[in-house]
């Protein structure tokens, strides 16, 4: 579940509010152990997502980068190449 949380610091362009909220949502899902909270838990779940998103946004804005910003497109291409290598090396199921 947390594999979809992407680094948000030191990217050009900076992380959007949607990216920060998506990371917060995945984090709260992982910690709570639920992807869709029951009605009784929806308010607490929503508050947790908003609190984590706010803390994440504050963190990303205040961190100081010592290296040049990363390019999301290049990072996505590298991740895709790694995935393709893993897929080509995966053993095939025999029938």
PDB file of N, CA and C in Angstrom:
ATOM      1  N   UNK A   1       0.816  -1.189   0.000  1.00  0.00           N
ATOM      2  CA  UNK A   1       0.000   0.000   0.000  1.00  0.00           C
ATOM      3  C   UNK A   1       0.867   1.263   0.000  1.00  0.00           C
ATOM      4  N   UNK A   2       1.932   1.302   0.764  1.00  0.00           N
ATOM      5  CA  UNK A   2       2.753   2.506   0.861  1.00  0.00           C
ATOM      6  C   UNK A   2       3.713   2.666  -0.307  1.00  0.00           C
ATOM      7  N   UNK A   3       3.738   1.717  -1.206  1.00  0.00           N
ATOM      8  CA  UNK A   3       4.618   1.870  -2.360  1.00  0.00           C
ATOM      9  C   UNK A   3       4.208   3.049  -3.209  1.00  0.00           C
ATOM     10  N   UNK A   4       2.951   3.440  -3.110  1.00  0.00           N
ATOM     11  CA  UNK A   4       2.483   4.549  -3.932  1.00  0.00           C
ATOM     12  C   UNK A   4       2.807   5.909  -3.331  1.00  0.00           C
ATOM     13  N   UNK A   5       3.369   5.953  -2.134  1.00  0.00           N
ATOM     14  CA  UNK A   5       3.795   7.222  -1.566  1.00  0.00           C
ATOM     15  C   UNK A   5       5.120   7.597  -2.221  1.00  0.00           C
ATOM     16  N   UNK A   6       5.118   8.729  -2.880  1.00  0.00           N
ATOM     17  CA  UNK A   6       6.293   9.174  -3.612  1.00  0.00           C
ATOM     18  C   UNK A   6       7.029  10.269  -2.844  1.00  0.00           C
ATOM     19  N   UNK A   7       8.348  10.358  -3.010  1.00  0.00           N
ATOM     20  CA  UNK A   7       9.078  11.481  -2.404  1.00  0.00           C
ATOM     21  C   UNK A   7       8.516  12.797  -2.941  1.00  0.00           C
ATOM     22  N   UNK A   8       8.417  13.782  -2.081  1.00  0.00           N
ATOM     23  CA  UNK A   8       7.840  15.065  -2.466  1.00  0.00           C
ATOM     24  C   UNK A   8       8.830  16.216  -2.370  1.00  0.00           C
ATOM     25  N   UNK A   9       9.959  15.980  -1.734  1.00  0.00           N
ATOM     26  CA  UNK A   9      10.933  17.040  -1.491  1.00  0.00           C
ATOM     27  C   UNK A   9      11.932  17.157  -2.640  1.00  0.00           C
ATOM     28  N   UNK A  10      12.294  18.382  -2.952  1.00  0.00           N
ATOM     29  CA  UNK A  10      13.347  18.705  -3.906  1.00  0.00           C
ATOM     30  C   UNK A  10      12.997  18.269  -5.330  1.00  0.00           C
ATOM     31  N   UNK A  11      11.788  18.600  -5.763  1.00  0.00           N
ATOM     32  CA  UNK A  11      11.370  18.361  -7.138  1.00  0.00           C
ATOM     33  C   UNK A  11      11.001  19.671  -7.796  1.00  0.00           C
ATOM     34  N   UNK A  12      11.215  19.721  -9.073  1.00  0.00           N
ATOM     35  CA  UNK A  12      10.824  20.881  -9.857  1.00  0.00           C
ATOM     36  C   UNK A  12       9.885  20.398 -10.937  1.00  0.00           C
ATOM     37  N   UNK A  13       8.666  20.831 -11.000  1.00  0.00           N
ATOM     38  CA  UNK A  13       8.017  21.786 -10.117  1.00  0.00           C
ATOM     39  C   UNK A  13       7.725  21.168  -8.747  1.00  0.00           C
ATOM     40  N   UNK A  14       7.517  22.007  -7.744  1.00  0.00           N
ATOM     41  CA  UNK A  14       7.264  21.492  -6.389  1.00  0.00           C
ATOM     42  C   UNK A  14       6.003  20.628  -6.334  1.00  0.00           C
ATOM     43  N   UNK A  15       5.918  19.838  -5.293  1.00  0.00           N
ATOM     44  CA  UNK A  15       4.759  18.959  -5.110  1.00  0.00           C
ATOM     45  C   UNK A  15       3.481  19.784  -5.025  1.00  0.00           C
ATOM     46  N   UNK A  16       2.445  19.271  -5.644  1.00  0.00           N
ATOM     47  CA  UNK A  16       1.147  19.955  -5.607  1.00  0.00           C
ATOM     48  C   UNK A  16       0.386  19.544  -4.349  1.00  0.00           C
ATOM     49  N   UNK A  17      -0.656  20.276  -4.040  1.00  0.00           N
ATOM     50  CA  UNK A  17      -1.506  19.940  -2.895  1.00  0.00           C
ATOM     51  C   UNK A  17      -2.139  18.562  -3.081  1.00  0.00           C
ATOM     52  N   UNK A  18      -2.467  18.213  -4.323  1.00  0.00           N
ATOM     53  CA  UNK A  18      -3.044  16.889  -4.596  1.00  0.00           C
ATOM     54  C   UNK A  18      -2.045  15.772  -4.310  1.00  0.00           C
ATOM     55  N   UNK A  19      -0.786  15.981  -4.662  1.00  0.00           N
ATOM     56  CA  UNK A  19       0.245  14.971  -4.390  1.00  0.00           C
ATOM     57  C   UNK A  19       0.470  14.810  -2.886  1.00  0.00           C
ATOM     58  N   UNK A  20       0.464  15.924  -2.175  1.00  0.00           N
ATOM     59  CA  UNK A  20       0.636  15.878  -0.722  1.00  0.00           C
ATOM     60  C   UNK A  20      -0.541  15.148  -0.087  1.00  0.00           C
ATOM     61  N   UNK A  21      -1.752  15.451  -0.521  1.00  0.00           N
ATOM     62  CA  UNK A  21      -2.932  14.799   0.048  1.00  0.00           C
ATOM     63  C   UNK A  21      -2.954  13.306  -0.287  1.00  0.00           C
ATOM     64  N   UNK A  22      -2.550  12.938  -1.494  1.00  0.00           N
ATOM     65  CA  UNK A  22      -2.507  11.521  -1.873  1.00  0.00           C
ATOM     66  C   UNK A  22      -1.522  10.753  -0.993  1.00  0.00           C
ATOM     67  N   UNK A  23      -0.374  11.354  -0.711  1.00  0.00           N
ATOM     68  CA  UNK A  23       0.603  10.709   0.171  1.00  0.00           C
ATOM     69  C   UNK A  23       0.043  10.583   1.583  1.00  0.00           C
ATOM     70  N   UNK A  24      -0.636  11.621   2.057  1.00  0.00           N
ATOM     71  CA  UNK A  24      -1.241  11.587   3.393  1.00  0.00           C
ATOM     72  C   UNK A  24      -2.318  10.512   3.471  1.00  0.00           C
ATOM     73  N   UNK A  25      -3.129  10.414   2.439  1.00  0.00           N
ATOM     74  CA  UNK A  25      -4.187   9.400   2.402  1.00  0.00           C
ATOM     75  C   UNK A  25      -3.595   7.998   2.459  1.00  0.00           C
ATOM     76  N   UNK A  26      -2.549   7.738   1.683  1.00  0.00           N
ATOM     77  CA  UNK A  26      -1.918   6.422   1.703  1.00  0.00           C
ATOM     78  C   UNK A  26      -1.319   6.109   3.071  1.00  0.00           C
ATOM     79  N   UNK A  27      -0.719   7.120   3.680  1.00  0.00           N
ATOM     80  CA  UNK A  27      -0.132   6.924   5.012  1.00  0.00           C
ATOM     81  C   UNK A  27      -1.217   6.576   6.033  1.00  0.00           C
ATOM     82  N   UNK A  28      -2.299   7.312   6.032  1.00  0.00           N
ATOM     83  CA  UNK A  28      -3.384   7.055   6.992  1.00  0.00           C
ATOM     84  C   UNK A  28      -4.017   5.697   6.714  1.00  0.00           C
ATOM     85  N   UNK A  29      -4.159   5.340   5.461  1.00  0.00           N
ATOM     86  CA  UNK A  29      -4.684   4.009   5.125  1.00  0.00           C
ATOM     87  C   UNK A  29      -3.789   2.911   5.685  1.00  0.00           C
ATOM     88  N   UNK A  30      -2.488   3.082   5.536  1.00  0.00           N
ATOM     89  CA  UNK A  30      -1.546   2.076   6.014  1.00  0.00           C
ATOM     90  C   UNK A  30      -1.602   1.964   7.540  1.00  0.00           C
ATOM     91  N   UNK A  31      -1.548   3.095   8.215  1.00  0.00           N
ATOM     92  CA  UNK A  31      -1.530   3.100   9.678  1.00  0.00           C
ATOM     93  C   UNK A  31      -2.828   2.552  10.254  1.00  0.00           C
ATOM     94  N   UNK A  32      -3.958   2.928   9.638  1.00  0.00           N
ATOM     95  CA  UNK A  32      -5.254   2.488  10.170  1.00  0.00           C
ATOM     96  C   UNK A  32      -5.591   1.063   9.760  1.00  0.00           C
ATOM     97  N   UNK A  33      -4.976   0.586   8.694  1.00  0.00           N
ATOM     98  CA  UNK A  33      -5.265  -0.766   8.231  1.00  0.00           C
ATOM     99  C   UNK A  33      -6.550  -0.860   7.429  1.00  0.00           C
ATOM    100  N   UNK A  34      -7.075   0.282   6.992  1.00  0.00           N
ATOM    101  CA  UNK A  34      -8.314   0.251   6.209  1.00  0.00           C
ATOM    102  C   UNK A  34      -8.222   1.213   5.036  1.00  0.00           C
ATOM    103  N   UNK A  35      -8.789   0.788   3.918  1.00  0.00           N
ATOM    104  CA  UNK A  35      -8.786   1.653   2.747  1.00  0.00           C
ATOM    105  C   UNK A  35     -10.059   2.496   2.691  1.00  0.00           C
ATOM    106  N   UNK A  36     -11.148   1.948   3.186  1.00  0.00           N
ATOM    107  CA  UNK A  36     -12.412   2.684   3.252  1.00  0.00           C
ATOM    108  C   UNK A  36     -12.963   2.545   4.666  1.00  0.00           C
ATOM    109  N   UNK A  37     -12.884   3.608   5.441  1.00  0.00           N
ATOM    110  CA  UNK A  37     -13.356   3.506   6.819  1.00  0.00           C
ATOM    111  C   UNK A  37     -14.874   3.375   6.891  1.00  0.00           C
ATOM    112  N   UNK A  38     -15.327   2.694   7.915  1.00  0.00           N
ATOM    113  CA  UNK A  38     -16.763   2.581   8.170  1.00  0.00           C
ATOM    114  C   UNK A  38     -17.303   3.966   8.500  1.00  0.00           C
ATOM    115  N   UNK A  39     -18.596   4.120   8.397  1.00  0.00           N
ATOM    116  CA  UNK A  39     -19.227   5.408   8.655  1.00  0.00           C
ATOM    117  C   UNK A  39     -18.850   6.008   9.991  1.00  0.00           C
ATOM    118  N   UNK A  40     -18.740   5.161  11.010  1.00  0.00           N
ATOM    119  CA  UNK A  40     -18.402   5.644  12.348  1.00  0.00           C
ATOM    120  C   UNK A  40     -16.977   6.191  12.414  1.00  0.00           C
ATOM    121  N   UNK A  41     -16.127   5.764  11.488  1.00  0.00           N
ATOM    122  CA  UNK A  41     -14.723   6.181  11.511  1.00  0.00           C
ATOM    123  C   UNK A  41     -14.379   7.221  10.450  1.00  0.00           C
ATOM    124  N   UNK A  42     -15.317   7.583   9.605  1.00  0.00           N
ATOM    125  CA  UNK A  42     -14.996   8.487   8.499  1.00  0.00           C
ATOM    126  C   UNK A  42     -14.521   9.851   8.967  1.00  0.00           C
ATOM    127  N   UNK A  43     -15.128  10.398   9.993  1.00  0.00           N
ATOM    128  CA  UNK A  43     -14.725  11.723  10.475  1.00  0.00           C
ATOM    129  C   UNK A  43     -13.292  11.687  10.998  1.00  0.00           C
ATOM    130  N   UNK A  44     -12.973  10.680  11.805  1.00  0.00           N
ATOM    131  CA  UNK A  44     -11.620  10.555  12.355  1.00  0.00           C
ATOM    132  C   UNK A  44     -10.611  10.326  11.235  1.00  0.00           C
ATOM    133  N   UNK A  45     -10.984   9.514  10.262  1.00  0.00           N
ATOM    134  CA  UNK A  45     -10.114   9.220   9.126  1.00  0.00           C
ATOM    135  C   UNK A  45      -9.830  10.499   8.331  1.00  0.00           C
ATOM    136  N   UNK A  46     -10.875  11.251   8.043  1.00  0.00           N
ATOM    137  CA  UNK A  46     -10.728  12.496   7.299  1.00  0.00           C
ATOM    138  C   UNK A  46      -9.877  13.517   8.034  1.00  0.00           C
ATOM    139  N   UNK A  47     -10.087  13.641   9.346  1.00  0.00           N
ATOM    140  CA  UNK A  47      -9.274  14.562  10.145  1.00  0.00           C
ATOM    141  C   UNK A  47      -7.810  14.145  10.132  1.00  0.00           C
ATOM    142  N   UNK A  48      -7.568  12.853  10.213  1.00  0.00           N
ATOM    143  CA  UNK A  48      -6.188  12.357  10.197  1.00  0.00           C
ATOM    144  C   UNK A  48      -5.525  12.658   8.858  1.00  0.00           C
ATOM    145  N   UNK A  49      -6.237  12.463   7.769  1.00  0.00           N
ATOM    146  CA  UNK A  49      -5.674  12.748   6.446  1.00  0.00           C
ATOM    147  C   UNK A  49      -5.328  14.229   6.334  1.00  0.00           C
ATOM    148  N   UNK A  50      -6.228  15.082   6.783  1.00  0.00           N
ATOM    149  CA  UNK A  50      -5.971  16.522   6.698  1.00  0.00           C
ATOM    150  C   UNK A  50      -4.797  16.940   7.584  1.00  0.00           C
ATOM    151  N   UNK A  51      -4.693  16.371   8.776  1.00  0.00           N
ATOM    152  CA  UNK A  51      -3.588  16.703   9.683  1.00  0.00           C
ATOM    153  C   UNK A  51      -2.253  16.244   9.110  1.00  0.00           C
ATOM    154  N   UNK A  52      -2.228  15.034   8.557  1.00  0.00           N
ATOM    155  CA  UNK A  52      -0.987  14.516   7.965  1.00  0.00           C
ATOM    156  C   UNK A  52      -0.622  15.327   6.727  1.00  0.00           C
ATOM    157  N   UNK A  53      -1.605  15.705   5.935  1.00  0.00           N
ATOM    158  CA  UNK A  53      -1.337  16.511   4.744  1.00  0.00           C
ATOM    159  C   UNK A  53      -0.751  17.870   5.137  1.00  0.00           C
ATOM    160  N   UNK A  54      -1.312  18.490   6.174  1.00  0.00           N
ATOM    161  CA  UNK A  54      -0.800  19.792   6.619  1.00  0.00           C
ATOM    162  C   UNK A  54       0.632  19.663   7.129  1.00  0.00           C
ATOM    163  N   UNK A  55       0.895  18.631   7.924  1.00  0.00           N
ATOM    164  CA  UNK A  55       2.248  18.422   8.447  1.00  0.00           C
ATOM    165  C   UNK A  55       3.220  18.130   7.312  1.00  0.00           C
ATOM    166  N   UNK A  56       2.783  17.354   6.330  1.00  0.00           N
ATOM    167  CA  UNK A  56       3.627  17.021   5.185  1.00  0.00           C
ATOM    168  C   UNK A  56       3.951  18.273   4.375  1.00  0.00           C
ATOM    169  N   UNK A  57       2.929  19.087   4.117  1.00  0.00           N
ATOM    170  CA  UNK A  57       3.137  20.318   3.356  1.00  0.00           C
ATOM    171  C   UNK A  57       4.123  21.235   4.081  1.00  0.00           C
ATOM    172  N   UNK A  58       3.958  21.367   5.379  1.00  0.00           N
ATOM    173  CA  UNK A  58       4.871  22.210   6.164  1.00  0.00           C
ATOM    174  C   UNK A  58       6.296  21.659   6.092  1.00  0.00           C
ATOM    175  N   UNK A  59       6.436  20.348   6.228  1.00  0.00           N
ATOM    176  CA  UNK A  59       7.755  19.728   6.159  1.00  0.00           C
ATOM    177  C   UNK A  59       8.416  19.980   4.805  1.00  0.00           C
ATOM    178  N   UNK A  60       7.700  19.712   3.734  1.00  0.00           N
ATOM    179  CA  UNK A  60       8.253  19.859   2.390  1.00  0.00           C
ATOM    180  C   UNK A  60       8.657  21.311   2.130  1.00  0.00           C
ATOM    181  N   UNK A  61       7.861  22.247   2.624  1.00  0.00           N
ATOM    182  CA  UNK A  61       8.166  23.666   2.406  1.00  0.00           C
ATOM    183  C   UNK A  61       9.367  24.145   3.206  1.00  0.00           C
ATOM    184  N   UNK A  62       9.639  23.525   4.348  1.00  0.00           N
ATOM    185  CA  UNK A  62      10.717  24.019   5.203  1.00  0.00           C
ATOM    186  C   UNK A  62      12.030  23.263   5.039  1.00  0.00           C
ATOM    187  N   UNK A  63      12.025  22.105   4.390  1.00  0.00           N
ATOM    188  CA  UNK A  63      13.265  21.374   4.165  1.00  0.00           C
ATOM    189  C   UNK A  63      14.177  22.163   3.231  1.00  0.00           C
ATOM    190  N   UNK A  64      15.460  22.101   3.485  1.00  0.00           N
ATOM    191  CA  UNK A  64      16.450  22.790   2.651  1.00  0.00           C
ATOM    192  C   UNK A  64      17.163  21.747   1.796  1.00  0.00           C
ATOM    193  N   UNK A  65      17.182  21.988   0.511  1.00  0.00           N
ATOM    194  CA  UNK A  65      17.834  21.068  -0.422  1.00  0.00           C
ATOM    195  C   UNK A  65      19.269  21.513  -0.655  1.00  0.00           C
ATOM    196  N   UNK A  66      20.174  20.552  -0.665  1.00  0.00           N
ATOM    197  CA  UNK A  66      21.574  20.859  -0.953  1.00  0.00           C
ATOM    198  C   UNK A  66      21.984  20.383  -2.334  1.00  0.00           C
ATOM    199  N   UNK A  67      21.081  19.722  -3.025  1.00  0.00           N
ATOM    200  CA  UNK A  67      21.369  19.247  -4.380  1.00  0.00           C
ATOM    201  C   UNK A  67      20.361  19.887  -5.337  1.00  0.00           C
ATOM    202  N   UNK A  68      20.654  19.848  -6.626  1.00  0.00           N
ATOM    203  CA  UNK A  68      19.708  20.420  -7.590  1.00  0.00           C
ATOM    204  C   UNK A  68      18.386  19.657  -7.557  1.00  0.00           C
ATOM    205  N   UNK A  69      17.287  20.316  -7.904  1.00  0.00           N
ATOM    206  CA  UNK A  69      15.984  19.639  -7.892  1.00  0.00           C
ATOM    207  C   UNK A  69      15.947  18.464  -8.876  1.00  0.00           C
ATOM    208  N   UNK A  70      15.171  17.469  -8.513  1.00  0.00           N
ATOM    209  CA  UNK A  70      14.968  16.302  -9.371  1.00  0.00           C
ATOM    210  C   UNK A  70      13.893  16.615 -10.401  1.00  0.00           C
ATOM    211  N   UNK A  71      13.886  15.830 -11.453  1.00  0.00           N
ATOM    212  CA  UNK A  71      12.880  15.953 -12.502  1.00  0.00           C
ATOM    213  C   UNK A  71      11.951  14.742 -12.393  1.00  0.00           C
ATOM    214  N   UNK A  72      10.680  14.991 -12.183  1.00  0.00           N
ATOM    215  CA  UNK A  72       9.712  13.898 -12.012  1.00  0.00           C
ATOM    216  C   UNK A  72       9.652  12.991 -13.241  1.00  0.00           C
ATOM    217  N   UNK A  73       9.738  13.585 -14.415  1.00  0.00           N
ATOM    218  CA  UNK A  73       9.661  12.788 -15.644  1.00  0.00           C
ATOM    219  C   UNK A  73      10.810  11.799 -15.726  1.00  0.00           C
ATOM    220  N   UNK A  74      11.999  12.248 -15.414  1.00  0.00           N
ATOM    221  CA  UNK A  74      13.172  11.370 -15.444  1.00  0.00           C
ATOM    222  C   UNK A  74      13.035  10.271 -14.394  1.00  0.00           C
ATOM    223  N   UNK A  75      12.580  10.632 -13.193  1.00  0.00           N
ATOM    224  CA  UNK A  75      12.407   9.631 -12.140  1.00  0.00           C
ATOM    225  C   UNK A  75      11.361   8.592 -12.524  1.00  0.00           C
ATOM    226  N   UNK A  76      10.276   9.023 -13.173  1.00  0.00           N
ATOM    227  CA  UNK A  76       9.244   8.072 -13.620  1.00  0.00           C
ATOM    228  C   UNK A  76       9.801   7.129 -14.688  1.00  0.00           C
ATOM    229  N   UNK A  77      10.613   7.668 -15.597  1.00  0.00           N
ATOM    230  CA  UNK A  77      11.213   6.826 -16.636  1.00  0.00           C
ATOM    231  C   UNK A  77      12.151   5.791 -16.027  1.00  0.00           C
ATOM    232  N   UNK A  78      12.932   6.201 -15.036  1.00  0.00           N
ATOM    233  CA  UNK A  78      13.833   5.253 -14.356  1.00  0.00           C
ATOM    234  C   UNK A  78      13.035   4.170 -13.631  1.00  0.00           C
ATOM    235  N   UNK A  79      11.960   4.566 -12.956  1.00  0.00           N
ATOM    236  CA  UNK A  79      11.124   3.598 -12.243  1.00  0.00           C
ATOM    237  C   UNK A  79      10.491   2.617 -13.224  1.00  0.00           C
ATOM    238  N   UNK A  80      10.036   3.107 -14.357  1.00  0.00           N
ATOM    239  CA  UNK A  80       9.444   2.242 -15.372  1.00  0.00           C
ATOM    240  C   UNK A  80      10.473   1.248 -15.902  1.00  0.00           C
ATOM    241  N   UNK A  81      11.703   1.718 -16.138  1.00  0.00           N
ATOM    242  CA  UNK A  81      12.767   0.835 -16.620  1.00  0.00           C
ATOM    243  C   UNK A  81      13.083  -0.244 -15.587  1.00  0.00           C
ATOM    244  N   UNK A  82      13.109   0.122 -14.292  1.00  0.00           N
ATOM    245  CA  UNK A  82      13.345  -0.884 -13.236  1.00  0.00           C
ATOM    246  C   UNK A  82      12.226  -1.909 -13.219  1.00  0.00           C
ATOM    247  N   UNK A  83      10.988  -1.446 -13.354  1.00  0.00           N
ATOM    248  CA  UNK A  83       9.839  -2.342 -13.355  1.00  0.00           C
ATOM    249  C   UNK A  83       9.922  -3.305 -14.542  1.00  0.00           C
ATOM    250  N   UNK A  84      10.263  -2.779 -15.707  1.00  0.00           N
ATOM    251  CA  UNK A  84      10.370  -3.633 -16.895  1.00  0.00           C
ATOM    252  C   UNK A  84      11.471  -4.668 -16.736  1.00  0.00           C
ATOM    253  N   UNK A  85      12.598  -4.284 -16.126  1.00  0.00           N
ATOM    254  CA  UNK A  85      13.679  -5.260 -15.878  1.00  0.00           C
ATOM    255  C   UNK A  85      13.196  -6.360 -14.936  1.00  0.00           C
ATOM    256  N   UNK A  86      12.484  -5.961 -13.863  1.00  0.00           N
ATOM    257  CA  UNK A  86      11.970  -6.973 -12.922  1.00  0.00           C
ATOM    258  C   UNK A  86      10.983  -7.901 -13.609  1.00  0.00           C
ATOM    259  N   UNK A  87      10.131  -7.360 -14.472  1.00  0.00           N
ATOM    260  CA  UNK A  87       9.142  -8.183 -15.159  1.00  0.00           C
ATOM    261  C   UNK A  87       9.802  -9.167 -16.119  1.00  0.00           C
ATOM    262  N   UNK A  88      10.861  -8.736 -16.758  1.00  0.00           N
ATOM    263  CA  UNK A  88      11.541  -9.626 -17.716  1.00  0.00           C
ATOM    264  C   UNK A  88      12.325 -10.710 -16.996  1.00  0.00           C
ATOM    265  N   UNK A  89      12.711 -10.461 -15.749  1.00  0.00           N
ATOM    266  CA  UNK A  89      13.469 -11.437 -14.981  1.00  0.00           C
ATOM    267  C   UNK A  89      12.585 -12.345 -14.131  1.00  0.00           C
ATOM    268  N   UNK A  90      11.303 -12.015 -14.032  1.00  0.00           N
ATOM    269  CA  UNK A  90      10.393 -12.801 -13.188  1.00  0.00           C
ATOM    270  C   UNK A  90      10.180 -14.173 -13.808  1.00  0.00           C
ATOM    271  N   UNK A  91      10.203 -15.206 -12.967  1.00  0.00           N
ATOM    272  CA  UNK A  91       9.966 -16.550 -13.509  1.00  0.00           C
ATOM    273  C   UNK A  91       8.527 -16.673 -13.994  1.00  0.00           C
ATOM    274  N   UNK A  92       8.354 -17.391 -15.063  1.00  0.00           N
ATOM    275  CA  UNK A  92       6.996 -17.585 -15.605  1.00  0.00           C
ATOM    276  C   UNK A  92       6.404 -18.828 -14.969  1.00  0.00           C
ATOM    277  N   UNK A  93       5.113 -18.788 -14.779  1.00  0.00           N
ATOM    278  CA  UNK A  93       4.419 -19.925 -14.183  1.00  0.00           C
ATOM    279  C   UNK A  93       4.292 -21.034 -15.219  1.00  0.00           C
ATOM    280  N   UNK A  94       4.604 -22.238 -14.817  1.00  0.00           N
ATOM    281  CA  UNK A  94       4.473 -23.367 -15.730  1.00  0.00           C
ATOM    282  C   UNK A  94       3.195 -24.121 -15.414  1.00  0.00           C
ATOM    283  N   UNK A  95       2.560 -24.602 -16.460  1.00  0.00           N
ATOM    284  CA  UNK A  95       1.280 -25.296 -16.289  1.00  0.00           C
ATOM    285  C   UNK A  95       1.453 -26.773 -16.293  1.00  0.00           C
TER     286      UNK A  95
END
